[in-house]
Every structure is written in C-alpha cells, then in structure tokens.
Amino acid sequence: MDKATQTELEAAAFRRLVSHLRARKDVQNIDLMILAGFCRNCLADWYAQAAAEKGISIPKDEAREFIYGEPFAEWKRKYQPEATPEQLAAFEAAQKKGHG
C-alpha cells in the first residue's frame, strides 16, 4: 500500500471515530478514560498537536469543538452529568494502573 492511500484510510478511520463519539453522547468521557485511557478531550489534544507539528495553530476550544461537533461547554451542559462516586473511584484506580 502506498503512503497516500494509507493516509487516506487513516483519515477515514479517524473521521468515523469522531462521528461515532459524536453519536454516542451516552458514553461519558470519564468512562472512556477508565476503560481506554483516553477520551474526547484527549482526541482533541492529539488533533491540535498534529496540527502544531505541521505549523498550524488550533486553539484548544476549537479542537474540542471539532471533536464534539459543538462548543465543549454546550456539550458538557447538555450531556455530561457529574461523575458518580463509583466513576471517580474507578478512574482513580485506572490512573494507578497506568491508564490515562
């Protein structure tokens, strides 16, 4: 496979991941961090970092809006409840195991 095709496939997979996360508003960032060691905010940070490597500056809020499909503050207000004590405990345990 040539490099251009590989890049196109990687970009398509990334777009599908972003689309999937936008659709699954029921999946909370803390749950993603507990299970996978990353969340939507991490993905936005990686997006901005990749841009920075190409000399493109993307502000944090703009990168998050790209990932969330709307301003993060609005998404958070609409879809993100306070973390439960159980989620916080699981998050802390995952951090101790080296996730996140």
PDB file of N, CA and C in Angstrom:
ATOM      1  N   MET A   1       0.855  -1.172   0.000  1.00  0.00           N
ATOM      2  CA  MET A   1       0.000   0.000   0.000  1.00  0.00           C
ATOM      3  C   MET A   1       0.902   1.237   0.000  1.00  0.00           C
ATOM      4  N   ASP A   2       0.551   2.188  -0.853  1.00  0.00           N
ATOM      5  CA  ASP A   2       1.363   3.406  -0.892  1.00  0.00           C
ATOM      6  C   ASP A   2       0.992   4.328   0.269  1.00  0.00           C
ATOM      7  N   LYS A   3       1.873   5.259   0.573  1.00  0.00           N
ATOM      8  CA  LYS A   3       1.719   6.152   1.722  1.00  0.00           C
ATOM      9  C   LYS A   3       0.459   7.015   1.616  1.00  0.00           C
ATOM     10  N   ALA A   4       0.131   7.515   0.429  1.00  0.00           N
ATOM     11  CA  ALA A   4      -1.055   8.358   0.253  1.00  0.00           C
ATOM     12  C   ALA A   4      -2.332   7.577   0.559  1.00  0.00           C
ATOM     13  N   THR A   5      -2.397   6.336   0.097  1.00  0.00           N
ATOM     14  CA  THR A   5      -3.568   5.505   0.366  1.00  0.00           C
ATOM     15  C   THR A   5      -3.667   5.208   1.857  1.00  0.00           C
ATOM     16  N   GLN A   6      -2.542   4.900   2.486  1.00  0.00           N
ATOM     17  CA  GLN A   6      -2.533   4.645   3.929  1.00  0.00           C
ATOM     18  C   GLN A   6      -3.055   5.868   4.687  1.00  0.00           C
ATOM     19  N   THR A   7      -2.589   7.053   4.311  1.00  0.00           N
ATOM     20  CA  THR A   7      -3.035   8.290   4.955  1.00  0.00           C
ATOM     21  C   THR A   7      -4.535   8.498   4.760  1.00  0.00           C
ATOM     22  N   GLU A   8      -5.037   8.232   3.554  1.00  0.00           N
ATOM     23  CA  GLU A   8      -6.472   8.354   3.285  1.00  0.00           C
ATOM     24  C   GLU A   8      -7.289   7.403   4.159  1.00  0.00           C
ATOM     25  N   LEU A   9      -6.823   6.171   4.309  1.00  0.00           N
ATOM     26  CA  LEU A   9      -7.524   5.191   5.131  1.00  0.00           C
ATOM     27  C   LEU A   9      -7.488   5.588   6.605  1.00  0.00           C
ATOM     28  N   GLU A  10      -6.343   6.056   7.063  1.00  0.00           N
ATOM     29  CA  GLU A  10      -6.234   6.513   8.456  1.00  0.00           C
ATOM     30  C   GLU A  10      -7.166   7.696   8.709  1.00  0.00           C
ATOM     31  N   ALA A  11      -7.222   8.619   7.766  1.00  0.00           N
ATOM     32  CA  ALA A  11      -8.110   9.780   7.903  1.00  0.00           C
ATOM     33  C   ALA A  11      -9.573   9.340   7.926  1.00  0.00           C
ATOM     34  N   ALA A  12      -9.931   8.379   7.099  1.00  0.00           N
ATOM     35  CA  ALA A  12     -11.310   7.880   7.079  1.00  0.00           C
ATOM     36  C   ALA A  12     -11.653   7.214   8.406  1.00  0.00           C
ATOM     37  N   ALA A  13     -10.719   6.450   8.953  1.00  0.00           N
ATOM     38  CA  ALA A  13     -10.953   5.797  10.246  1.00  0.00           C
ATOM     39  C   ALA A  13     -11.104   6.845  11.357  1.00  0.00           C
ATOM     40  N   PHE A  14     -10.288   7.883  11.311  1.00  0.00           N
ATOM     41  CA  PHE A  14     -10.378   8.968  12.286  1.00  0.00           C
ATOM     42  C   PHE A  14     -11.739   9.660  12.192  1.00  0.00           C
ATOM     43  N   ARG A  15     -12.175   9.972  10.972  1.00  0.00           N
ATOM     44  CA  ARG A  15     -13.478  10.621  10.797  1.00  0.00           C
ATOM     45  C   ARG A  15     -14.602   9.733  11.327  1.00  0.00           C
ATOM     46  N   ARG A  16     -14.482   8.436  11.112  1.00  0.00           N
ATOM     47  CA  ARG A  16     -15.510   7.515  11.604  1.00  0.00           C
ATOM     48  C   ARG A  16     -15.501   7.460  13.131  1.00  0.00           C
ATOM     49  N   LEU A  17     -14.329   7.485  13.749  1.00  0.00           N
ATOM     50  CA  LEU A  17     -14.235   7.508  15.202  1.00  0.00           C
ATOM     51  C   LEU A  17     -14.876   8.773  15.757  1.00  0.00           C
ATOM     52  N   VAL A  18     -14.575   9.920  15.174  1.00  0.00           N
ATOM     53  CA  VAL A  18     -15.169  11.183  15.618  1.00  0.00           C
ATOM     54  C   VAL A  18     -16.685  11.128  15.460  1.00  0.00           C
ATOM     55  N   SER A  19     -17.169  10.648  14.341  1.00  0.00           N
ATOM     56  CA  SER A  19     -18.604  10.529  14.108  1.00  0.00           C
ATOM     57  C   SER A  19     -19.254   9.607  15.138  1.00  0.00           C
ATOM     58  N   HIS A  20     -18.602   8.508  15.416  1.00  0.00           N
ATOM     59  CA  HIS A  20     -19.117   7.552  16.397  1.00  0.00           C
ATOM     60  C   HIS A  20     -19.206   8.190  17.779  1.00  0.00           C
ATOM     61  N   LEU A  21     -18.155   8.902  18.190  1.00  0.00           N
ATOM     62  CA  LEU A  21     -18.168   9.546  19.505  1.00  0.00           C
ATOM     63  C   LEU A  21     -19.217  10.646  19.578  1.00  0.00           C
ATOM     64  N   ARG A  22     -19.429  11.358  18.480  1.00  0.00           N
ATOM     65  CA  ARG A  22     -20.473  12.385  18.465  1.00  0.00           C
ATOM     66  C   ARG A  22     -21.851  11.752  18.644  1.00  0.00           C
ATOM     67  N   ALA A  23     -22.051  10.587  18.055  1.00  0.00           N
ATOM     68  CA  ALA A  23     -23.341   9.908  18.144  1.00  0.00           C
ATOM     69  C   ALA A  23     -23.568   9.268  19.513  1.00  0.00           C
ATOM     70  N   ARG A  24     -22.501   8.874  20.178  1.00  0.00           N
ATOM     71  CA  ARG A  24     -22.612   8.167  21.457  1.00  0.00           C
ATOM     72  C   ARG A  24     -22.439   9.127  22.627  1.00  0.00           C
ATOM     73  N   LYS A  25     -23.339  10.078  22.709  1.00  0.00           N
ATOM     74  CA  LYS A  25     -23.296  11.060  23.788  1.00  0.00           C
ATOM     75  C   LYS A  25     -23.531  10.412  25.149  1.00  0.00           C
ATOM     76  N   ASP A  26     -24.111   9.214  25.142  1.00  0.00           N
ATOM     77  CA  ASP A  26     -24.343   8.494  26.388  1.00  0.00           C
ATOM     78  C   ASP A  26     -23.056   7.966  27.011  1.00  0.00           C
ATOM     79  N   VAL A  27     -22.022   7.851  26.235  1.00  0.00           N
ATOM     80  CA  VAL A  27     -20.736   7.371  26.742  1.00  0.00           C
ATOM     81  C   VAL A  27     -19.970   8.579  27.288  1.00  0.00           C
ATOM     82  N   GLN A  28     -19.767   8.574  28.576  1.00  0.00           N
ATOM     83  CA  GLN A  28     -19.123   9.703  29.239  1.00  0.00           C
ATOM     84  C   GLN A  28     -17.598   9.638  29.093  1.00  0.00           C
ATOM     85  N   ASN A  29     -16.975  10.813  29.085  1.00  0.00           N
ATOM     86  CA  ASN A  29     -15.515  10.877  28.982  1.00  0.00           C
ATOM     87  C   ASN A  29     -14.840  10.118  30.113  1.00  0.00           C
ATOM     88  N   ILE A  30     -15.378  10.207  31.324  1.00  0.00           N
ATOM     89  CA  ILE A  30     -14.744   9.508  32.442  1.00  0.00           C
ATOM     90  C   ILE A  30     -14.765   8.001  32.210  1.00  0.00           C
ATOM     91  N   ASP A  31     -15.848   7.486  31.612  1.00  0.00           N
ATOM     92  CA  ASP A  31     -15.914   6.059  31.311  1.00  0.00           C
ATOM     93  C   ASP A  31     -14.888   5.672  30.250  1.00  0.00           C
ATOM     94  N   LEU A  32     -14.726   6.533  29.248  1.00  0.00           N
ATOM     95  CA  LEU A  32     -13.695   6.278  28.241  1.00  0.00           C
ATOM     96  C   LEU A  32     -12.308   6.253  28.886  1.00  0.00           C
ATOM     97  N   MET A  33     -12.063   7.207  29.784  1.00  0.00           N
ATOM     98  CA  MET A  33     -10.751   7.258  30.457  1.00  0.00           C
ATOM     99  C   MET A  33     -10.523   6.008  31.298  1.00  0.00           C
ATOM    100  N   ILE A  34     -11.558   5.549  31.988  1.00  0.00           N
ATOM    101  CA  ILE A  34     -11.432   4.356  32.828  1.00  0.00           C
ATOM    102  C   ILE A  34     -11.111   3.138  31.976  1.00  0.00           C
ATOM    103  N   LEU A  35     -11.837   2.970  30.877  1.00  0.00           N
ATOM    104  CA  LEU A  35     -11.704   1.759  30.072  1.00  0.00           C
ATOM    105  C   LEU A  35     -10.590   1.808  29.037  1.00  0.00           C
ATOM    106  N   ALA A  36     -10.402   2.974  28.415  1.00  0.00           N
ATOM    107  CA  ALA A  36      -9.473   3.044  27.284  1.00  0.00           C
ATOM    108  C   ALA A  36      -8.252   3.922  27.529  1.00  0.00           C
ATOM    109  N   GLY A  37      -8.304   4.730  28.589  1.00  0.00           N
ATOM    110  CA  GLY A  37      -7.157   5.592  28.871  1.00  0.00           C
ATOM    111  C   GLY A  37      -7.111   6.848  28.019  1.00  0.00           C
ATOM    112  N   PHE A  38      -8.196   7.149  27.298  1.00  0.00           N
ATOM    113  CA  PHE A  38      -8.304   8.390  26.540  1.00  0.00           C
ATOM    114  C   PHE A  38      -9.774   8.758  26.441  1.00  0.00           C
ATOM    115  N   CYS A  39     -10.020  10.027  26.108  1.00  0.00           N
ATOM    116  CA  CYS A  39     -11.399  10.491  25.954  1.00  0.00           C
ATOM    117  C   CYS A  39     -11.463  11.482  24.798  1.00  0.00           C
ATOM    118  N   ARG A  40     -12.600  12.093  24.630  1.00  0.00           N
ATOM    119  CA  ARG A  40     -12.787  13.075  23.563  1.00  0.00           C
ATOM    120  C   ARG A  40     -11.799  14.238  23.693  1.00  0.00           C
ATOM    121  N   ASN A  41     -11.558  14.669  24.935  1.00  0.00           N
ATOM    122  CA  ASN A  41     -10.616  15.776  25.134  1.00  0.00           C
ATOM    123  C   ASN A  41      -9.206  15.375  24.708  1.00  0.00           C
ATOM    124  N   CYS A  42      -8.821  14.151  25.005  1.00  0.00           N
ATOM    125  CA  CYS A  42      -7.503  13.660  24.566  1.00  0.00           C
ATOM    126  C   CYS A  42      -7.422  13.684  23.040  1.00  0.00           C
ATOM    127  N   LEU A  43      -8.477  13.216  22.398  1.00  0.00           N
ATOM    128  CA  LEU A  43      -8.510  13.188  20.937  1.00  0.00           C
ATOM    129  C   LEU A  43      -8.377  14.599  20.371  1.00  0.00           C
ATOM    130  N   ALA A  44      -9.052  15.561  20.997  1.00  0.00           N
ATOM    131  CA  ALA A  44      -8.934  16.956  20.566  1.00  0.00           C
ATOM    132  C   ALA A  44      -7.510  17.459  20.756  1.00  0.00           C
ATOM    133  N   ASP A  45      -6.892  17.089  21.864  1.00  0.00           N
ATOM    134  CA  ASP A  45      -5.498  17.491  22.104  1.00  0.00           C
ATOM    135  C   ASP A  45      -4.570  16.888  21.051  1.00  0.00           C
ATOM    136  N   TRP A  46      -4.780  15.619  20.711  1.00  0.00           N
ATOM    137  CA  TRP A  46      -3.945  14.972  19.702  1.00  0.00           C
ATOM    138  C   TRP A  46      -4.126  15.625  18.337  1.00  0.00           C
ATOM    139  N   TYR A  47      -5.347  16.019  18.039  1.00  0.00           N
ATOM    140  CA  TYR A  47      -5.657  16.717  16.785  1.00  0.00           C
ATOM    141  C   TYR A  47      -4.891  18.043  16.730  1.00  0.00           C
ATOM    142  N   ALA A  48      -4.951  18.807  17.813  1.00  0.00           N
ATOM    143  CA  ALA A  48      -4.246  20.093  17.868  1.00  0.00           C
ATOM    144  C   ALA A  48      -2.734  19.890  17.806  1.00  0.00           C
ATOM    145  N   GLN A  49      -2.234  18.856  18.460  1.00  0.00           N
ATOM    146  CA  GLN A  49      -0.800  18.567  18.435  1.00  0.00           C
ATOM    147  C   GLN A  49      -0.338  18.176  17.034  1.00  0.00           C
ATOM    148  N   ALA A  50      -1.139  17.392  16.332  1.00  0.00           N
ATOM    149  CA  ALA A  50      -0.799  17.018  14.956  1.00  0.00           C
ATOM    150  C   ALA A  50      -0.753  18.261  14.076  1.00  0.00           C
ATOM    151  N   ALA A  51      -1.691  19.175  14.282  1.00  0.00           N
ATOM    152  CA  ALA A  51      -1.689  20.434  13.528  1.00  0.00           C
ATOM    153  C   ALA A  51      -0.434  21.234  13.848  1.00  0.00           C
ATOM    154  N   ALA A  52      -0.088  21.303  15.127  1.00  0.00           N
ATOM    155  CA  ALA A  52       1.100  22.064  15.543  1.00  0.00           C
ATOM    156  C   ALA A  52       2.367  21.515  14.893  1.00  0.00           C
ATOM    157  N   GLU A  53       2.436  20.204  14.724  1.00  0.00           N
ATOM    158  CA  GLU A  53       3.590  19.586  14.055  1.00  0.00           C
ATOM    159  C   GLU A  53       3.711  20.023  12.601  1.00  0.00           C
ATOM    160  N   LYS A  54       2.599  20.476  12.029  1.00  0.00           N
ATOM    161  CA  LYS A  54       2.581  20.987  10.654  1.00  0.00           C
ATOM    162  C   LYS A  54       2.638  22.513  10.623  1.00  0.00           C
ATOM    163  N   GLY A  55       2.860  23.129  11.802  1.00  0.00           N
ATOM    164  CA  GLY A  55       2.953  24.582  11.863  1.00  0.00           C
ATOM    165  C   GLY A  55       1.611  25.288  11.881  1.00  0.00           C
ATOM    166  N   ILE A  56       0.554  24.557  12.205  1.00  0.00           N
ATOM    167  CA  ILE A  56      -0.800  25.115  12.248  1.00  0.00           C
ATOM    168  C   ILE A  56      -1.233  25.198  13.707  1.00  0.00           C
ATOM    169  N   SER A  57      -1.668  26.375  14.125  1.00  0.00           N
ATOM    170  CA  SER A  57      -2.117  26.561  15.496  1.00  0.00           C
ATOM    171  C   SER A  57      -3.631  26.418  15.565  1.00  0.00           C
ATOM    172  N   ILE A  58      -4.088  25.448  16.353  1.00  0.00           N
ATOM    173  CA  ILE A  58      -5.518  25.258  16.581  1.00  0.00           C
ATOM    174  C   ILE A  58      -5.747  25.430  18.077  1.00  0.00           C
ATOM    175  N   PRO A  59      -6.486  26.457  18.468  1.00  0.00           N
ATOM    176  CA  PRO A  59      -6.755  26.645  19.892  1.00  0.00           C
ATOM    177  C   PRO A  59      -7.508  25.450  20.487  1.00  0.00           C
ATOM    178  N   LYS A  60      -7.307  25.230  21.777  1.00  0.00           N
ATOM    179  CA  LYS A  60      -7.918  24.103  22.489  1.00  0.00           C
ATOM    180  C   LYS A  60      -9.439  24.070  22.287  1.00  0.00           C
ATOM    181  N   ASP A  61     -10.095  25.209  22.450  1.00  0.00           N
ATOM    182  CA  ASP A  61     -11.554  25.249  22.300  1.00  0.00           C
ATOM    183  C   ASP A  61     -11.988  24.878  20.890  1.00  0.00           C
ATOM    184  N   GLU A  62     -11.230  25.311  19.896  1.00  0.00           N
ATOM    185  CA  GLU A  62     -11.557  24.997  18.504  1.00  0.00           C
ATOM    186  C   GLU A  62     -11.371  23.506  18.222  1.00  0.00           C
ATOM    187  N   ALA A  63     -10.305  22.923  18.760  1.00  0.00           N
ATOM    188  CA  ALA A  63     -10.066  21.488  18.576  1.00  0.00           C
ATOM    189  C   ALA A  63     -11.169  20.671  19.238  1.00  0.00           C
ATOM    190  N   ARG A  64     -11.583  21.089  20.431  1.00  0.00           N
ATOM    191  CA  ARG A  64     -12.662  20.373  21.112  1.00  0.00           C
ATOM    192  C   ARG A  64     -13.973  20.508  20.342  1.00  0.00           C
ATOM    193  N   GLU A  65     -14.249  21.691  19.812  1.00  0.00           N
ATOM    194  CA  GLU A  65     -15.480  21.870  19.045  1.00  0.00           C
ATOM    195  C   GLU A  65     -15.486  20.961  17.821  1.00  0.00           C
ATOM    196  N   PHE A  66     -14.326  20.768  17.201  1.00  0.00           N
ATOM    197  CA  PHE A  66     -14.232  19.860  16.060  1.00  0.00           C
ATOM    198  C   PHE A  66     -14.599  18.437  16.481  1.00  0.00           C
ATOM    199  N   ILE A  67     -14.079  17.979  17.606  1.00  0.00           N
ATOM    200  CA  ILE A  67     -14.329  16.617  18.059  1.00  0.00           C
ATOM    201  C   ILE A  67     -15.768  16.443  18.545  1.00  0.00           C
ATOM    202  N   TYR A  68     -16.253  17.393  19.324  1.00  0.00           N
ATOM    203  CA  TYR A  68     -17.591  17.281  19.908  1.00  0.00           C
ATOM    204  C   TYR A  68     -18.705  17.626  18.922  1.00  0.00           C
ATOM    205  N   GLY A  69     -18.393  18.406  17.889  1.00  0.00           N
ATOM    206  CA  GLY A  69     -19.411  18.825  16.930  1.00  0.00           C
ATOM    207  C   GLY A  69     -20.187  20.044  17.388  1.00  0.00           C
ATOM    208  N   GLU A  70     -19.776  20.621  18.491  1.00  0.00           N
ATOM    209  CA  GLU A  70     -20.365  21.841  19.048  1.00  0.00           C
ATOM    210  C   GLU A  70     -19.401  22.338  20.131  1.00  0.00           C
ATOM    211  N   PRO A  71     -19.566  23.568  20.591  1.00  0.00           N
ATOM    212  CA  PRO A  71     -18.672  24.042  21.655  1.00  0.00           C
ATOM    213  C   PRO A  71     -18.727  23.101  22.867  1.00  0.00           C
ATOM    214  N   PHE A  72     -17.560  22.830  23.429  1.00  0.00           N
ATOM    215  CA  PHE A  72     -17.453  21.885  24.537  1.00  0.00           C
ATOM    216  C   PHE A  72     -18.355  22.279  25.704  1.00  0.00           C
ATOM    217  N   ALA A  73     -18.407  23.554  26.046  1.00  0.00           N
ATOM    218  CA  ALA A  73     -19.229  23.996  27.173  1.00  0.00           C
ATOM    219  C   ALA A  73     -20.702  23.633  26.962  1.00  0.00           C
ATOM    220  N   GLU A  74     -21.182  23.769  25.726  1.00  0.00           N
ATOM    221  CA  GLU A  74     -22.569  23.398  25.425  1.00  0.00           C
ATOM    222  C   GLU A  74     -22.768  21.892  25.532  1.00  0.00           C
ATOM    223  N   TRP A  75     -21.841  21.123  24.953  1.00  0.00           N
ATOM    224  CA  TRP A  75     -21.931  19.664  25.011  1.00  0.00           C
ATOM    225  C   TRP A  75     -21.943  19.210  26.469  1.00  0.00           C
ATOM    226  N   LYS A  76     -21.024  19.765  27.241  1.00  0.00           N
ATOM    227  CA  LYS A  76     -20.908  19.385  28.650  1.00  0.00           C
ATOM    228  C   LYS A  76     -22.202  19.703  29.398  1.00  0.00           C
ATOM    229  N   ARG A  77     -22.762  20.876  29.165  1.00  0.00           N
ATOM    230  CA  ARG A  77     -24.003  21.280  29.830  1.00  0.00           C
ATOM    231  C   ARG A  77     -25.153  20.336  29.474  1.00  0.00           C
ATOM    232  N   LYS A  78     -25.225  19.926  28.209  1.00  0.00           N
ATOM    233  CA  LYS A  78     -26.334  19.100  27.742  1.00  0.00           C
ATOM    234  C   LYS A  78     -26.187  17.611  28.068  1.00  0.00           C
ATOM    235  N   TYR A  79     -24.954  17.107  28.040  1.00  0.00           N
ATOM    236  CA  TYR A  79     -24.780  15.655  28.053  1.00  0.00           C
ATOM    237  C   TYR A  79     -23.920  15.090  29.182  1.00  0.00           C
ATOM    238  N   GLN A  80     -23.205  15.912  29.912  1.00  0.00           N
ATOM    239  CA  GLN A  80     -22.253  15.378  30.888  1.00  0.00           C
ATOM    240  C   GLN A  80     -22.727  15.616  32.319  1.00  0.00           C
ATOM    241  N   PRO A  81     -23.274  14.590  32.958  1.00  0.00           N
ATOM    242  CA  PRO A  81     -23.652  14.736  34.362  1.00  0.00           C
ATOM    243  C   PRO A  81     -22.402  14.698  35.253  1.00  0.00           C
ATOM    244  N   GLU A  82     -22.583  15.062  36.494  1.00  0.00           N
ATOM    245  CA  GLU A  82     -21.481  14.943  37.454  1.00  0.00           C
ATOM    246  C   GLU A  82     -21.061  13.480  37.546  1.00  0.00           C
ATOM    247  N   ALA A  83     -19.775  13.253  37.695  1.00  0.00           N
ATOM    248  CA  ALA A  83     -19.282  11.887  37.855  1.00  0.00           C
ATOM    249  C   ALA A  83     -19.787  11.318  39.181  1.00  0.00           C
ATOM    250  N   THR A  84     -20.133  10.050  39.133  1.00  0.00           N
ATOM    251  CA  THR A  84     -20.592   9.379  40.351  1.00  0.00           C
ATOM    252  C   THR A  84     -19.384   9.012  41.216  1.00  0.00           C
ATOM    253  N   PRO A  85     -19.611   8.763  42.495  1.00  0.00           N
ATOM    254  CA  PRO A  85     -18.501   8.300  43.343  1.00  0.00           C
ATOM    255  C   PRO A  85     -17.862   7.023  42.787  1.00  0.00           C
ATOM    256  N   GLU A  86     -18.684   6.151  42.213  1.00  0.00           N
ATOM    257  CA  GLU A  86     -18.148   4.907  41.633  1.00  0.00           C
ATOM    258  C   GLU A  86     -17.250   5.199  40.433  1.00  0.00           C
ATOM    259  N   GLN A  87     -17.666   6.124  39.579  1.00  0.00           N
ATOM    260  CA  GLN A  87     -16.836   6.502  38.430  1.00  0.00           C
ATOM    261  C   GLN A  87     -15.523   7.117  38.888  1.00  0.00           C
ATOM    262  N   LEU A  88     -15.591   7.990  39.871  1.00  0.00           N
ATOM    263  CA  LEU A  88     -14.376   8.631  40.381  1.00  0.00           C
ATOM    264  C   LEU A  88     -13.421   7.607  40.979  1.00  0.00           C
ATOM    265  N   ALA A  89     -13.950   6.636  41.710  1.00  0.00           N
ATOM    266  CA  ALA A  89     -13.110   5.585  42.292  1.00  0.00           C
ATOM    267  C   ALA A  89     -12.480   4.724  41.196  1.00  0.00           C
ATOM    268  N   ALA A  90     -13.271   4.365  40.184  1.00  0.00           N
ATOM    269  CA  ALA A  90     -12.748   3.563  39.077  1.00  0.00           C
ATOM    270  C   ALA A  90     -11.692   4.341  38.294  1.00  0.00           C
ATOM    271  N   PHE A  91     -11.914   5.640  38.113  1.00  0.00           N
ATOM    272  CA  PHE A  91     -10.947   6.491  37.418  1.00  0.00           C
ATOM    273  C   PHE A  91      -9.636   6.528  38.194  1.00  0.00           C
ATOM    274  N   GLU A  92      -9.732   6.728  39.496  1.00  0.00           N
ATOM    275  CA  GLU A  92      -8.526   6.766  40.335  1.00  0.00           C
ATOM    276  C   GLU A  92      -7.776   5.437  40.268  1.00  0.00           C
ATOM    277  N   ALA A  93      -8.502   4.320  40.320  1.00  0.00           N
ATOM    278  CA  ALA A  93      -7.870   3.008  40.225  1.00  0.00           C
ATOM    279  C   ALA A  93      -7.201   2.813  38.869  1.00  0.00           C
ATOM    280  N   ALA A  94      -7.847   3.263  37.805  1.00  0.00           N
ATOM    281  CA  ALA A  94      -7.258   3.147  36.457  1.00  0.00           C
ATOM    282  C   ALA A  94      -5.993   3.975  36.356  1.00  0.00           C
ATOM    283  N   GLN A  95      -5.978   5.164  36.955  1.00  0.00           N
ATOM    284  CA  GLN A  95      -4.789   6.024  36.932  1.00  0.00           C
ATOM    285  C   GLN A  95      -3.618   5.333  37.629  1.00  0.00           C
ATOM    286  N   LYS A  96      -3.905   4.637  38.720  1.00  0.00           N
ATOM    287  CA  LYS A  96      -2.857   3.928  39.459  1.00  0.00           C
ATOM    288  C   LYS A  96      -2.289   2.770  38.654  1.00  0.00           C
ATOM    289  N   LYS A  97      -3.118   2.207  37.752  1.00  0.00           N
ATOM    290  CA  LYS A  97      -2.665   1.104  36.905  1.00  0.00           C
ATOM    291  C   LYS A  97      -1.864   1.597  35.706  1.00  0.00           C
ATOM    292  N   GLY A  98      -1.859   2.918  35.511  1.00  0.00           N
ATOM    293  CA  GLY A  98      -1.097   3.470  34.396  1.00  0.00           C
ATOM    294  C   GLY A  98      -1.914   3.839  33.196  1.00  0.00           C
ATOM    295  N   HIS A  99      -3.237   3.829  33.287  1.00  0.00           N
ATOM    296  CA  HIS A  99      -4.087   4.263  32.181  1.00  0.00           C
ATOM    297  C   HIS A  99      -4.288   5.767  32.294  1.00  0.00           C
ATOM    298  N   GLY A 100      -4.430   6.420  31.123  1.00  0.00           N
ATOM    299  CA  GLY A 100      -4.780   7.828  31.127  1.00  0.00           C
ATOM    300  C   GLY A 100      -3.667   8.778  31.095  1.00  0.00           C
TER     301      GLY A 100
END
